[in-house]
């Protein structure tokens, strides 16, 4: 998989995940995979609530001792991007760039603490070949990789990655957002990809969610296996 930086997913909180993926309590009763997990605090928050969740990311394969510090530093770097491009974002979930930085740093700190306390919940692996058996998870969540970095991944990679996420799911895969990071536009190959998934018996549905930070980014893709 192409290198896109030290973290594939920045430090988003458990509550932000719930909003991005329109997660209900019922959705979280089974085993959940966060792919790629990056520095997100979803698994940490899930553990506090008794939810069985695992994160997978290639960054977990290396020396983990400095990941917490790197996560906090990346939160600051991301905030500087927000300051330079504030017009591209909707300031409702976060009040302003200062609130964004604070909450990202809190999530990064929670990630780092959980990584130390429960390292087995953070598995090294990368799309499109995950180190899990078929149907290992009831629900698979994937944010800010596919479609987000569409300019770096061709559609063959997207197709293989989507099929792999479906392979390790028992019930459903949810992906968010459907916009590119660079231009903020919907992924141009999405319809063709959904058609190729349909040929494999994989059903798809684009659903609106009650969350929008990247302007126009208020939809998730839901995939269900044949």
C-alpha atoms as a PDB file:
ATOM      1  CA  UNK A   1       0.000   0.000   0.000  1.00  0.00           C
ATOM      2  CA  UNK A   2       1.407   3.449  -0.851  1.00  0.00           C
ATOM      3  CA  UNK A   3       2.860   5.438   2.018  1.00  0.00           C
ATOM      4  CA  UNK A   4       0.564   8.350   2.891  1.00  0.00           C
ATOM      5  CA  UNK A   5       2.179   9.416   6.137  1.00  0.00           C
ATOM      6  CA  UNK A   6       2.698   8.226   9.695  1.00  0.00           C
ATOM      7  CA  UNK A   7      -1.025   7.862  10.407  1.00  0.00           C
ATOM      8  CA  UNK A   8      -3.746   6.871   7.994  1.00  0.00           C
ATOM      9  CA  UNK A   9      -6.430   8.171  10.334  1.00  0.00           C
ATOM     10  CA  UNK A  10      -5.974  11.157  12.613  1.00  0.00           C
ATOM     11  CA  UNK A  11      -7.007  11.265  16.246  1.00  0.00           C
ATOM     12  CA  UNK A  12     -10.788  11.119  16.110  1.00  0.00           C
ATOM     13  CA  UNK A  13     -12.795  10.331  19.227  1.00  0.00           C
ATOM     14  CA  UNK A  14     -15.255   7.530  19.907  1.00  0.00           C
ATOM     15  CA  UNK A  15     -18.133  10.027  19.789  1.00  0.00           C
ATOM     16  CA  UNK A  16     -16.968  11.368  16.441  1.00  0.00           C
ATOM     17  CA  UNK A  17     -16.961   7.821  15.077  1.00  0.00           C
ATOM     18  CA  UNK A  18     -20.506   7.341  16.305  1.00  0.00           C
ATOM     19  CA  UNK A  19     -21.555  10.426  14.381  1.00  0.00           C
ATOM     20  CA  UNK A  20     -19.574   9.693  11.211  1.00  0.00           C
ATOM     21  CA  UNK A  21     -20.941   6.165  10.924  1.00  0.00           C
ATOM     22  CA  UNK A  22     -24.413   6.776  12.415  1.00  0.00           C
ATOM     23  CA  UNK A  23     -23.677   4.083  15.000  1.00  0.00           C
ATOM     24  CA  UNK A  24     -26.416   2.951  17.368  1.00  0.00           C
ATOM     25  CA  UNK A  25     -26.021   0.901  20.521  1.00  0.00           C
ATOM     26  CA  UNK A  26     -27.346  -2.084  18.574  1.00  0.00           C
ATOM     27  CA  UNK A  27     -24.610  -1.645  15.941  1.00  0.00           C
ATOM     28  CA  UNK A  28     -21.979  -2.022  18.656  1.00  0.00           C
ATOM     29  CA  UNK A  29     -23.169  -5.228  20.295  1.00  0.00           C
ATOM     30  CA  UNK A  30     -20.940  -7.420  18.123  1.00  0.00           C
ATOM     31  CA  UNK A  31     -17.239  -7.438  17.308  1.00  0.00           C
ATOM     32  CA  UNK A  32     -16.071  -4.281  15.498  1.00  0.00           C
ATOM     33  CA  UNK A  33     -12.997  -3.585  13.350  1.00  0.00           C
ATOM     34  CA  UNK A  34     -11.551  -0.111  12.759  1.00  0.00           C
ATOM     35  CA  UNK A  35      -9.525  -0.208   9.522  1.00  0.00           C
ATOM     36  CA  UNK A  36      -7.271   1.705   9.340  1.00  0.00           C
ATOM     37  CA  UNK A  37      -7.154   2.617  13.003  1.00  0.00           C
ATOM     38  CA  UNK A  38      -4.239   5.049  12.924  1.00  0.00           C
ATOM     39  CA  UNK A  39      -4.218   7.258  16.006  1.00  0.00           C
ATOM     40  CA  UNK A  40      -7.980   7.239  16.464  1.00  0.00           C
ATOM     41  CA  UNK A  41      -9.468   6.762  19.929  1.00  0.00           C
ATOM     42  CA  UNK A  42     -12.391   4.622  18.783  1.00  0.00           C
ATOM     43  CA  UNK A  43     -11.007   1.379  20.226  1.00  0.00           C
ATOM     44  CA  UNK A  44     -10.070   3.151  23.462  1.00  0.00           C
ATOM     45  CA  UNK A  45     -13.590   4.510  23.852  1.00  0.00           C
ATOM     46  CA  UNK A  46     -15.102   1.182  22.909  1.00  0.00           C
ATOM     47  CA  UNK A  47     -13.092  -0.553  25.618  1.00  0.00           C
ATOM     48  CA  UNK A  48     -14.369   1.867  28.238  1.00  0.00           C
ATOM     49  CA  UNK A  49     -17.919   0.951  27.207  1.00  0.00           C
ATOM     50  CA  UNK A  50     -17.403  -2.808  27.132  1.00  0.00           C
ATOM     51  CA  UNK A  51     -17.488  -2.997  23.324  1.00  0.00           C
ATOM     52  CA  UNK A  52     -15.350  -5.620  21.581  1.00  0.00           C
ATOM     53  CA  UNK A  53     -13.323  -3.542  19.106  1.00  0.00           C
ATOM     54  CA  UNK A  54      -9.979  -3.982  17.337  1.00  0.00           C
ATOM     55  CA  UNK A  55      -7.917  -1.576  15.219  1.00  0.00           C
ATOM     56  CA  UNK A  56      -5.644  -2.576  12.353  1.00  0.00           C
ATOM     57  CA  UNK A  57      -3.026  -0.358  10.726  1.00  0.00           C
ATOM     58  CA  UNK A  58       0.446  -0.847   9.184  1.00  0.00           C
ATOM     59  CA  UNK A  59       1.909   1.729  11.574  1.00  0.00           C
ATOM     60  CA  UNK A  60       1.420  -0.693  14.475  1.00  0.00           C
ATOM     61  CA  UNK A  61       4.108  -2.982  13.019  1.00  0.00           C
ATOM     62  CA  UNK A  62       6.991  -0.739  14.036  1.00  0.00           C
ATOM     63  CA  UNK A  63       8.291   0.573  17.318  1.00  0.00           C
ATOM     64  CA  UNK A  64       5.201   1.639  19.256  1.00  0.00           C
ATOM     65  CA  UNK A  65       7.013   3.531  21.987  1.00  0.00           C
ATOM     66  CA  UNK A  66       6.732   6.906  20.252  1.00  0.00           C
ATOM     67  CA  UNK A  67       3.315   6.554  18.638  1.00  0.00           C
ATOM     68  CA  UNK A  68       1.531   8.487  21.362  1.00  0.00           C
ATOM     69  CA  UNK A  69       3.820  11.483  21.037  1.00  0.00           C
ATOM     70  CA  UNK A  70       3.589  11.315  17.254  1.00  0.00           C
ATOM     71  CA  UNK A  71      -0.208  11.237  17.472  1.00  0.00           C
ATOM     72  CA  UNK A  72      -0.274  14.432  19.538  1.00  0.00           C
ATOM     73  CA  UNK A  73       2.184  16.111  17.156  1.00  0.00           C
ATOM     74  CA  UNK A  74       0.054  15.084  14.183  1.00  0.00           C
ATOM     75  CA  UNK A  75      -2.985  16.597  15.892  1.00  0.00           C
ATOM     76  CA  UNK A  76      -1.190  19.927  15.930  1.00  0.00           C
ATOM     77  CA  UNK A  77      -0.123  19.573  12.316  1.00  0.00           C
ATOM     78  CA  UNK A  78      -3.698  18.812  11.282  1.00  0.00           C
ATOM     79  CA  UNK A  79      -4.901  21.862  13.160  1.00  0.00           C
ATOM     80  CA  UNK A  80      -2.539  24.086  11.206  1.00  0.00           C
ATOM     81  CA  UNK A  81      -4.094  22.719   8.019  1.00  0.00           C
ATOM     82  CA  UNK A  82      -7.517  23.642   9.398  1.00  0.00           C
ATOM     83  CA  UNK A  83      -6.364  27.197  10.066  1.00  0.00           C
ATOM     84  CA  UNK A  84      -5.128  27.537   6.489  1.00  0.00           C
ATOM     85  CA  UNK A  85      -8.261  26.015   4.958  1.00  0.00           C
ATOM     86  CA  UNK A  86     -11.020  26.847   7.452  1.00  0.00           C
ATOM     87  CA  UNK A  87     -13.450  27.737   4.641  1.00  0.00           C
ATOM     88  CA  UNK A  88     -13.420  24.102   3.492  1.00  0.00           C
ATOM     89  CA  UNK A  89     -14.922  22.905   6.774  1.00  0.00           C
ATOM     90  CA  UNK A  90     -18.257  23.150   8.564  1.00  0.00           C
ATOM     91  CA  UNK A  91     -17.806  24.419  12.114  1.00  0.00           C
ATOM     92  CA  UNK A  92     -20.656  22.706  13.895  1.00  0.00           C
ATOM     93  CA  UNK A  93     -19.122  19.500  15.290  1.00  0.00           C
ATOM     94  CA  UNK A  94     -16.100  21.577  16.330  1.00  0.00           C
ATOM     95  CA  UNK A  95     -16.792  25.128  17.466  1.00  0.00           C
ATOM     96  CA  UNK A  96     -13.635  26.538  15.899  1.00  0.00           C
ATOM     97  CA  UNK A  97     -10.029  25.513  15.071  1.00  0.00           C
ATOM     98  CA  UNK A  98      -8.986  25.789  18.734  1.00  0.00           C
ATOM     99  CA  UNK A  99     -11.715  23.362  19.762  1.00  0.00           C
ATOM    100  CA  UNK A 100     -10.637  21.078  16.906  1.00  0.00           C
ATOM    101  CA  UNK A 101      -7.028  21.033  18.156  1.00  0.00           C
ATOM    102  CA  UNK A 102      -8.028  20.396  21.763  1.00  0.00           C
ATOM    103  CA  UNK A 103     -10.327  17.487  20.947  1.00  0.00           C
ATOM    104  CA  UNK A 104      -7.839  15.922  18.542  1.00  0.00           C
ATOM    105  CA  UNK A 105      -5.130  16.098  21.211  1.00  0.00           C
ATOM    106  CA  UNK A 106      -7.464  14.533  23.789  1.00  0.00           C
ATOM    107  CA  UNK A 107      -8.253  11.688  21.396  1.00  0.00           C
ATOM    108  CA  UNK A 108      -4.548  11.190  20.630  1.00  0.00           C
ATOM    109  CA  UNK A 109      -3.791  10.968  24.352  1.00  0.00           C
ATOM    110  CA  UNK A 110      -6.585   8.410  24.838  1.00  0.00           C
ATOM    111  CA  UNK A 111      -5.233   6.362  21.913  1.00  0.00           C
ATOM    112  CA  UNK A 112      -1.718   6.381  23.357  1.00  0.00           C
ATOM    113  CA  UNK A 113      -2.900   5.288  26.809  1.00  0.00           C
ATOM    114  CA  UNK A 114      -5.013   2.457  25.398  1.00  0.00           C
ATOM    115  CA  UNK A 115      -2.194   1.306  23.125  1.00  0.00           C
ATOM    116  CA  UNK A 116      -0.002   0.893  26.208  1.00  0.00           C
ATOM    117  CA  UNK A 117      -2.713  -0.737  28.300  1.00  0.00           C
ATOM    118  CA  UNK A 118      -4.194  -3.078  25.666  1.00  0.00           C
ATOM    119  CA  UNK A 119      -1.623  -3.582  22.905  1.00  0.00           C
ATOM    120  CA  UNK A 120      -3.360  -6.739  21.678  1.00  0.00           C
ATOM    121  CA  UNK A 121      -6.228  -4.569  20.442  1.00  0.00           C
ATOM    122  CA  UNK A 122      -3.935  -2.884  17.891  1.00  0.00           C
ATOM    123  CA  UNK A 123      -2.980  -5.288  15.103  1.00  0.00           C
ATOM    124  CA  UNK A 124      -0.397  -4.640  12.391  1.00  0.00           C
ATOM    125  CA  UNK A 125      -1.848  -5.074   8.925  1.00  0.00           C
ATOM    126  CA  UNK A 126      -2.735  -3.227   5.742  1.00  0.00           C
ATOM    127  CA  UNK A 127      -5.272  -3.312   2.972  1.00  0.00           C
ATOM    128  CA  UNK A 128      -5.851  -5.099   0.688  1.00  0.00           C
ATOM    129  CA  UNK A 129      -4.713  -8.156   2.698  1.00  0.00           C
ATOM    130  CA  UNK A 130      -5.814  -8.106   6.345  1.00  0.00           C
ATOM    131  CA  UNK A 131      -4.539 -10.661   8.902  1.00  0.00           C
ATOM    132  CA  UNK A 132      -7.995 -11.909   9.894  1.00  0.00           C
ATOM    133  CA  UNK A 133     -10.105 -14.899   8.868  1.00  0.00           C
ATOM    134  CA  UNK A 134     -13.319 -14.622   6.885  1.00  0.00           C
ATOM    135  CA  UNK A 135     -16.267 -13.108   8.784  1.00  0.00           C
ATOM    136  CA  UNK A 136     -14.114 -12.229  11.793  1.00  0.00           C
ATOM    137  CA  UNK A 137     -16.089  -9.057  12.638  1.00  0.00           C
ATOM    138  CA  UNK A 138     -19.768  -8.214  12.787  1.00  0.00           C
ATOM    139  CA  UNK A 139     -19.163  -4.609  11.720  1.00  0.00           C
ATOM    140  CA  UNK A 140     -16.195  -3.099   9.865  1.00  0.00           C
ATOM    141  CA  UNK A 141     -15.583   0.665   9.898  1.00  0.00           C
ATOM    142  CA  UNK A 142     -13.190   2.418   7.532  1.00  0.00           C
ATOM    143  CA  UNK A 143     -12.631   6.155   7.563  1.00  0.00           C
ATOM    144  CA  UNK A 144     -10.422   8.638   5.725  1.00  0.00           C
ATOM    145  CA  UNK A 145      -8.416   6.270   3.534  1.00  0.00           C
ATOM    146  CA  UNK A 146     -10.374   4.900   0.591  1.00  0.00           C
ATOM    147  CA  UNK A 147     -11.850   7.710  -1.527  1.00  0.00           C
ATOM    148  CA  UNK A 148     -10.135  10.265   0.732  1.00  0.00           C
ATOM    149  CA  UNK A 149      -6.776   9.509  -0.915  1.00  0.00           C
ATOM    150  CA  UNK A 150      -8.284   8.585  -4.270  1.00  0.00           C
ATOM    151  CA  UNK A 151      -5.547  10.445  -6.115  1.00  0.00           C
ATOM    152  CA  UNK A 152      -2.961   8.045  -4.667  1.00  0.00           C
ATOM    153  CA  UNK A 153      -4.871   4.769  -4.963  1.00  0.00           C
ATOM    154  CA  UNK A 154      -6.144   3.547  -8.309  1.00  0.00           C
ATOM    155  CA  UNK A 155      -9.518   1.874  -8.654  1.00  0.00           C
ATOM    156  CA  UNK A 156      -8.004  -1.608  -8.743  1.00  0.00           C
ATOM    157  CA  UNK A 157      -6.651  -0.978  -5.253  1.00  0.00           C
ATOM    158  CA  UNK A 158     -10.016   0.416  -4.167  1.00  0.00           C
ATOM    159  CA  UNK A 159     -11.829  -2.648  -5.488  1.00  0.00           C
ATOM    160  CA  UNK A 160      -9.431  -5.081  -3.812  1.00  0.00           C
ATOM    161  CA  UNK A 161      -9.608  -3.145  -0.529  1.00  0.00           C
ATOM    162  CA  UNK A 162     -13.403  -2.971  -0.527  1.00  0.00           C
ATOM    163  CA  UNK A 163     -13.671  -6.694  -1.235  1.00  0.00           C
ATOM    164  CA  UNK A 164     -11.242  -7.389   1.596  1.00  0.00           C
ATOM    165  CA  UNK A 165     -13.247  -5.321   4.064  1.00  0.00           C
ATOM    166  CA  UNK A 166     -16.350  -7.265   3.055  1.00  0.00           C
ATOM    167  CA  UNK A 167     -14.476 -10.567   3.405  1.00  0.00           C
ATOM    168  CA  UNK A 168     -13.673  -9.989   7.083  1.00  0.00           C
ATOM    169  CA  UNK A 169     -17.202  -8.771   7.905  1.00  0.00           C
ATOM    170  CA  UNK A 170     -20.166 -10.871   8.937  1.00  0.00           C
ATOM    171  CA  UNK A 171     -22.850  -8.233   8.584  1.00  0.00           C
ATOM    172  CA  UNK A 172     -21.818  -4.833   7.248  1.00  0.00           C
ATOM    173  CA  UNK A 173     -19.000  -2.507   6.194  1.00  0.00           C
ATOM    174  CA  UNK A 174     -19.325   1.274   6.584  1.00  0.00           C
ATOM    175  CA  UNK A 175     -16.971   3.757   4.905  1.00  0.00           C
ATOM    176  CA  UNK A 176     -16.706   7.512   5.445  1.00  0.00           C
ATOM    177  CA  UNK A 177     -16.287  10.000   3.792  1.00  0.00           C
ATOM    178  CA  UNK A 178     -16.787   9.697   0.036  1.00  0.00           C
ATOM    179  CA  UNK A 179     -14.874  12.899  -0.804  1.00  0.00           C
ATOM    180  CA  UNK A 180     -11.275  13.435  -1.791  1.00  0.00           C
ATOM    181  CA  UNK A 181      -8.934  15.118   0.675  1.00  0.00           C
ATOM    182  CA  UNK A 182      -7.298  17.344  -1.928  1.00  0.00           C
ATOM    183  CA  UNK A 183     -10.231  18.650  -3.976  1.00  0.00           C
ATOM    184  CA  UNK A 184     -13.190  17.936  -1.663  1.00  0.00           C
ATOM    185  CA  UNK A 185     -15.056  16.324  -4.566  1.00  0.00           C
ATOM    186  CA  UNK A 186     -16.831  12.942  -4.636  1.00  0.00           C
ATOM    187  CA  UNK A 187     -14.596  10.095  -5.731  1.00  0.00           C
ATOM    188  CA  UNK A 188     -14.939  10.042  -9.548  1.00  0.00           C
ATOM    189  CA  UNK A 189     -14.797   6.257  -9.849  1.00  0.00           C
ATOM    190  CA  UNK A 190     -17.361   5.480  -7.165  1.00  0.00           C
ATOM    191  CA  UNK A 191     -20.262   4.467  -9.400  1.00  0.00           C
ATOM    192  CA  UNK A 192     -18.057   2.176 -11.465  1.00  0.00           C
ATOM    193  CA  UNK A 193     -16.676   0.577  -8.305  1.00  0.00           C
ATOM    194  CA  UNK A 194     -20.156  -0.045  -6.939  1.00  0.00           C
ATOM    195  CA  UNK A 195     -21.085  -1.677 -10.229  1.00  0.00           C
ATOM    196  CA  UNK A 196     -18.094  -4.017 -10.009  1.00  0.00           C
ATOM    197  CA  UNK A 197     -19.000  -4.869  -6.428  1.00  0.00           C
ATOM    198  CA  UNK A 198     -22.556  -5.650  -7.514  1.00  0.00           C
ATOM    199  CA  UNK A 199     -21.145  -8.115 -10.056  1.00  0.00           C
ATOM    200  CA  UNK A 200     -19.602  -9.921  -7.087  1.00  0.00           C
ATOM    201  CA  UNK A 201     -22.892  -9.974  -5.207  1.00  0.00           C
ATOM    202  CA  UNK A 202     -21.902  -7.187  -2.788  1.00  0.00           C
ATOM    203  CA  UNK A 203     -24.765  -4.772  -2.121  1.00  0.00           C
ATOM    204  CA  UNK A 204     -24.071  -1.069  -1.631  1.00  0.00           C
ATOM    205  CA  UNK A 205     -26.019   1.862  -0.250  1.00  0.00           C
ATOM    206  CA  UNK A 206     -25.016   5.503   0.156  1.00  0.00           C
ATOM    207  CA  UNK A 207     -26.595   6.969   3.298  1.00  0.00           C
ATOM    208  CA  UNK A 208     -26.621  10.465   4.713  1.00  0.00           C
ATOM    209  CA  UNK A 209     -25.316  10.918   8.250  1.00  0.00           C
ATOM    210  CA  UNK A 210     -25.851  13.664  10.820  1.00  0.00           C
ATOM    211  CA  UNK A 211     -22.198  14.668  10.699  1.00  0.00           C
ATOM    212  CA  UNK A 212     -20.375  17.056   8.397  1.00  0.00           C
ATOM    213  CA  UNK A 213     -16.917  18.480   8.968  1.00  0.00           C
ATOM    214  CA  UNK A 214     -15.402  18.440   5.496  1.00  0.00           C
ATOM    215  CA  UNK A 215     -17.862  20.580   3.556  1.00  0.00           C
ATOM    216  CA  UNK A 216     -20.209  18.299   1.597  1.00  0.00           C
ATOM    217  CA  UNK A 217     -18.935  15.223   3.405  1.00  0.00           C
ATOM    218  CA  UNK A 218     -22.098  13.970   5.072  1.00  0.00           C
ATOM    219  CA  UNK A 219     -22.498  10.568   3.396  1.00  0.00           C
ATOM    220  CA  UNK A 220     -21.229   7.083   4.166  1.00  0.00           C
ATOM    221  CA  UNK A 221     -21.100   3.992   1.996  1.00  0.00           C
ATOM    222  CA  UNK A 222     -22.601   0.807   3.426  1.00  0.00           C
ATOM    223  CA  UNK A 223     -21.645  -2.586   1.968  1.00  0.00           C
ATOM    224  CA  UNK A 224     -23.271  -5.913   2.780  1.00  0.00           C
ATOM    225  CA  UNK A 225     -21.832  -9.245   1.792  1.00  0.00           C
ATOM    226  CA  UNK A 226     -23.540 -11.794  -0.448  1.00  0.00           C
END
